[in-house]
């Protein structure tokens, strides 16, 4: 497991069933987005970013997630976001990124706009 940490953001990267899981705790903003970039850059395959411990995600952090996902998809992988707190979830939904969200224990994204999924 790899850990990147400051007082505002802690990042742990672990492999679960050979897939990278990035666990974020704290806040991603202008002062911490570089840490997020450094944690995501070496990863490949199907990456899950666990947002359960993240209380704030600004536009720089979202841009970083979008860039990482674009890179991963171009290489045959993907990036999903797991278990965001309500405030972060709302921002992701407003930006149309809610189809990236998976819940703990689910293997596929939850699309809040698709009421046929449970």
C-alpha atoms as a PDB file:
ATOM      1  CA  UNK A   1       0.000   0.000   0.000  1.00  0.00           C
ATOM      2  CA  UNK A   2       1.218   3.495  -0.866  1.00  0.00           C
ATOM      3  CA  UNK A   3       0.287   6.520   1.254  1.00  0.00           C
ATOM      4  CA  UNK A   4       0.446  10.209   0.287  1.00  0.00           C
ATOM      5  CA  UNK A   5      -0.568  12.566   3.113  1.00  0.00           C
ATOM      6  CA  UNK A   6      -0.776  16.153   4.313  1.00  0.00           C
ATOM      7  CA  UNK A   7      -2.986  17.542   7.031  1.00  0.00           C
ATOM      8  CA  UNK A   8      -5.688  18.420   4.473  1.00  0.00           C
ATOM      9  CA  UNK A   9      -5.624  15.227   2.382  1.00  0.00           C
ATOM     10  CA  UNK A  10      -4.659  11.632   2.950  1.00  0.00           C
ATOM     11  CA  UNK A  11      -4.415   9.247   0.008  1.00  0.00           C
ATOM     12  CA  UNK A  12      -3.940   5.510   0.334  1.00  0.00           C
ATOM     13  CA  UNK A  13      -3.493   3.349  -2.739  1.00  0.00           C
ATOM     14  CA  UNK A  14      -4.027  -0.390  -2.395  1.00  0.00           C
ATOM     15  CA  UNK A  15      -4.682  -3.252  -4.775  1.00  0.00           C
ATOM     16  CA  UNK A  16      -7.885  -5.205  -4.282  1.00  0.00           C
ATOM     17  CA  UNK A  17      -8.239  -8.235  -6.552  1.00  0.00           C
ATOM     18  CA  UNK A  18      -5.404  -6.783  -8.664  1.00  0.00           C
ATOM     19  CA  UNK A  19      -7.336  -3.527  -9.220  1.00  0.00           C
ATOM     20  CA  UNK A  20      -6.006  -0.242  -7.800  1.00  0.00           C
ATOM     21  CA  UNK A  21      -8.225   1.382  -5.159  1.00  0.00           C
ATOM     22  CA  UNK A  22      -7.443   4.977  -4.217  1.00  0.00           C
ATOM     23  CA  UNK A  23      -8.904   5.974  -0.837  1.00  0.00           C
ATOM     24  CA  UNK A  24      -9.211   9.713  -0.235  1.00  0.00           C
ATOM     25  CA  UNK A  25      -9.744  11.351   3.158  1.00  0.00           C
ATOM     26  CA  UNK A  26     -10.008  15.100   3.686  1.00  0.00           C
ATOM     27  CA  UNK A  27     -10.257  17.713   0.955  1.00  0.00           C
ATOM     28  CA  UNK A  28      -9.078  17.988  -2.650  1.00  0.00           C
ATOM     29  CA  UNK A  29      -8.491  21.608  -3.578  1.00  0.00           C
ATOM     30  CA  UNK A  30      -5.832  23.784  -5.208  1.00  0.00           C
ATOM     31  CA  UNK A  31      -3.344  23.065  -2.440  1.00  0.00           C
ATOM     32  CA  UNK A  32      -3.752  19.259  -2.526  1.00  0.00           C
ATOM     33  CA  UNK A  33      -4.607  18.460  -6.147  1.00  0.00           C
ATOM     34  CA  UNK A  34      -0.948  17.764  -6.926  1.00  0.00           C
ATOM     35  CA  UNK A  35      -1.003  14.883  -4.459  1.00  0.00           C
ATOM     36  CA  UNK A  36      -4.045  13.424  -6.207  1.00  0.00           C
ATOM     37  CA  UNK A  37      -2.323  13.730  -9.576  1.00  0.00           C
ATOM     38  CA  UNK A  38       0.793  12.024  -8.221  1.00  0.00           C
ATOM     39  CA  UNK A  39      -1.270   9.163  -6.806  1.00  0.00           C
ATOM     40  CA  UNK A  40      -3.301   8.589  -9.996  1.00  0.00           C
ATOM     41  CA  UNK A  41      -0.523   9.003 -12.580  1.00  0.00           C
ATOM     42  CA  UNK A  42       1.195   5.612 -12.184  1.00  0.00           C
ATOM     43  CA  UNK A  43      -2.040   3.605 -12.040  1.00  0.00           C
ATOM     44  CA  UNK A  44      -3.469   1.570 -14.897  1.00  0.00           C
ATOM     45  CA  UNK A  45      -6.369  -0.761 -15.571  1.00  0.00           C
ATOM     46  CA  UNK A  46      -9.705  -0.390 -13.812  1.00  0.00           C
ATOM     47  CA  UNK A  47      -9.181   2.106 -11.000  1.00  0.00           C
ATOM     48  CA  UNK A  48     -11.652   2.798  -8.189  1.00  0.00           C
ATOM     49  CA  UNK A  49     -11.412   6.077  -6.288  1.00  0.00           C
ATOM     50  CA  UNK A  50     -13.122   5.745  -2.905  1.00  0.00           C
ATOM     51  CA  UNK A  51     -14.594   9.121  -1.904  1.00  0.00           C
ATOM     52  CA  UNK A  52     -16.224   8.047   1.360  1.00  0.00           C
ATOM     53  CA  UNK A  53     -13.753  10.057   3.459  1.00  0.00           C
ATOM     54  CA  UNK A  54     -13.644  13.067   1.126  1.00  0.00           C
ATOM     55  CA  UNK A  55     -15.529  16.124   2.399  1.00  0.00           C
ATOM     56  CA  UNK A  56     -14.627  18.569  -0.411  1.00  0.00           C
ATOM     57  CA  UNK A  57     -13.740  18.247  -4.097  1.00  0.00           C
ATOM     58  CA  UNK A  58     -13.095  21.387  -6.141  1.00  0.00           C
ATOM     59  CA  UNK A  59     -12.938  21.909  -9.908  1.00  0.00           C
ATOM     60  CA  UNK A  60      -9.186  21.233 -10.000  1.00  0.00           C
ATOM     61  CA  UNK A  61      -9.753  17.846  -8.373  1.00  0.00           C
ATOM     62  CA  UNK A  62     -12.592  17.030 -10.734  1.00  0.00           C
ATOM     63  CA  UNK A  63     -10.439  18.027 -13.706  1.00  0.00           C
ATOM     64  CA  UNK A  64      -7.726  15.731 -12.418  1.00  0.00           C
ATOM     65  CA  UNK A  65     -10.166  12.811 -12.149  1.00  0.00           C
ATOM     66  CA  UNK A  66     -11.449  13.494 -15.677  1.00  0.00           C
ATOM     67  CA  UNK A  67      -7.901  13.570 -17.082  1.00  0.00           C
ATOM     68  CA  UNK A  68      -7.005  10.340 -15.284  1.00  0.00           C
ATOM     69  CA  UNK A  69     -10.150   8.635 -16.562  1.00  0.00           C
ATOM     70  CA  UNK A  70      -9.496   9.785 -20.128  1.00  0.00           C
ATOM     71  CA  UNK A  71      -5.951   8.390 -19.933  1.00  0.00           C
ATOM     72  CA  UNK A  72      -7.123   5.102 -18.445  1.00  0.00           C
ATOM     73  CA  UNK A  73      -9.935   4.631 -21.000  1.00  0.00           C
ATOM     74  CA  UNK A  74      -7.523   5.346 -23.864  1.00  0.00           C
ATOM     75  CA  UNK A  75      -5.370   2.489 -22.533  1.00  0.00           C
ATOM     76  CA  UNK A  76      -8.307   0.072 -22.162  1.00  0.00           C
ATOM     77  CA  UNK A  77      -8.990   0.753 -18.477  1.00  0.00           C
ATOM     78  CA  UNK A  78     -11.512   2.869 -16.593  1.00  0.00           C
ATOM     79  CA  UNK A  79     -12.000   4.956 -13.473  1.00  0.00           C
ATOM     80  CA  UNK A  80     -14.998   4.804 -11.164  1.00  0.00           C
ATOM     81  CA  UNK A  81     -15.853   6.791  -8.079  1.00  0.00           C
ATOM     82  CA  UNK A  82     -17.107   4.913  -5.023  1.00  0.00           C
ATOM     83  CA  UNK A  83     -19.327   6.089  -2.178  1.00  0.00           C
ATOM     84  CA  UNK A  84     -19.099   9.888  -2.341  1.00  0.00           C
ATOM     85  CA  UNK A  85     -20.493  11.883   0.567  1.00  0.00           C
ATOM     86  CA  UNK A  86     -23.699  13.801  -0.200  1.00  0.00           C
ATOM     87  CA  UNK A  87     -21.997  17.153  -0.870  1.00  0.00           C
ATOM     88  CA  UNK A  88     -19.456  15.631  -3.269  1.00  0.00           C
ATOM     89  CA  UNK A  89     -22.124  13.420  -4.894  1.00  0.00           C
ATOM     90  CA  UNK A  90     -24.266  16.475  -5.630  1.00  0.00           C
ATOM     91  CA  UNK A  91     -21.387  18.214  -7.441  1.00  0.00           C
ATOM     92  CA  UNK A  92     -20.688  15.067  -9.486  1.00  0.00           C
ATOM     93  CA  UNK A  93     -24.382  14.801 -10.384  1.00  0.00           C
ATOM     94  CA  UNK A  94     -24.553  18.460 -11.443  1.00  0.00           C
ATOM     95  CA  UNK A  95     -21.570  17.895 -13.743  1.00  0.00           C
ATOM     96  CA  UNK A  96     -23.124  14.765 -15.269  1.00  0.00           C
ATOM     97  CA  UNK A  97     -20.496  12.474 -13.772  1.00  0.00           C
ATOM     98  CA  UNK A  98     -22.952  10.439 -11.703  1.00  0.00           C
ATOM     99  CA  UNK A  99     -22.606   7.518 -14.126  1.00  0.00           C
ATOM    100  CA  UNK A 100     -19.030   7.141 -12.841  1.00  0.00           C
ATOM    101  CA  UNK A 101     -20.320   6.393  -9.322  1.00  0.00           C
ATOM    102  CA  UNK A 102     -20.411   2.897  -7.901  1.00  0.00           C
ATOM    103  CA  UNK A 103     -21.525   2.045  -4.395  1.00  0.00           C
ATOM    104  CA  UNK A 104     -19.605  -0.191  -2.029  1.00  0.00           C
ATOM    105  CA  UNK A 105     -20.355  -3.790  -2.943  1.00  0.00           C
ATOM    106  CA  UNK A 106     -21.467  -2.972  -6.513  1.00  0.00           C
ATOM    107  CA  UNK A 107     -19.521  -3.874  -9.609  1.00  0.00           C
ATOM    108  CA  UNK A 108     -21.125  -1.381 -11.981  1.00  0.00           C
ATOM    109  CA  UNK A 109     -21.810   2.359 -11.975  1.00  0.00           C
ATOM    110  CA  UNK A 110     -25.003   3.733 -10.502  1.00  0.00           C
ATOM    111  CA  UNK A 111     -26.680   6.186 -12.858  1.00  0.00           C
ATOM    112  CA  UNK A 112     -28.958   8.398 -10.793  1.00  0.00           C
ATOM    113  CA  UNK A 113     -30.825   9.424 -13.940  1.00  0.00           C
ATOM    114  CA  UNK A 114     -31.714   5.812 -14.778  1.00  0.00           C
ATOM    115  CA  UNK A 115     -34.527   4.815 -12.414  1.00  0.00           C
ATOM    116  CA  UNK A 116     -34.562   1.215 -13.718  1.00  0.00           C
ATOM    117  CA  UNK A 117     -31.323   0.397 -11.892  1.00  0.00           C
ATOM    118  CA  UNK A 118     -31.439  -0.609  -8.262  1.00  0.00           C
END
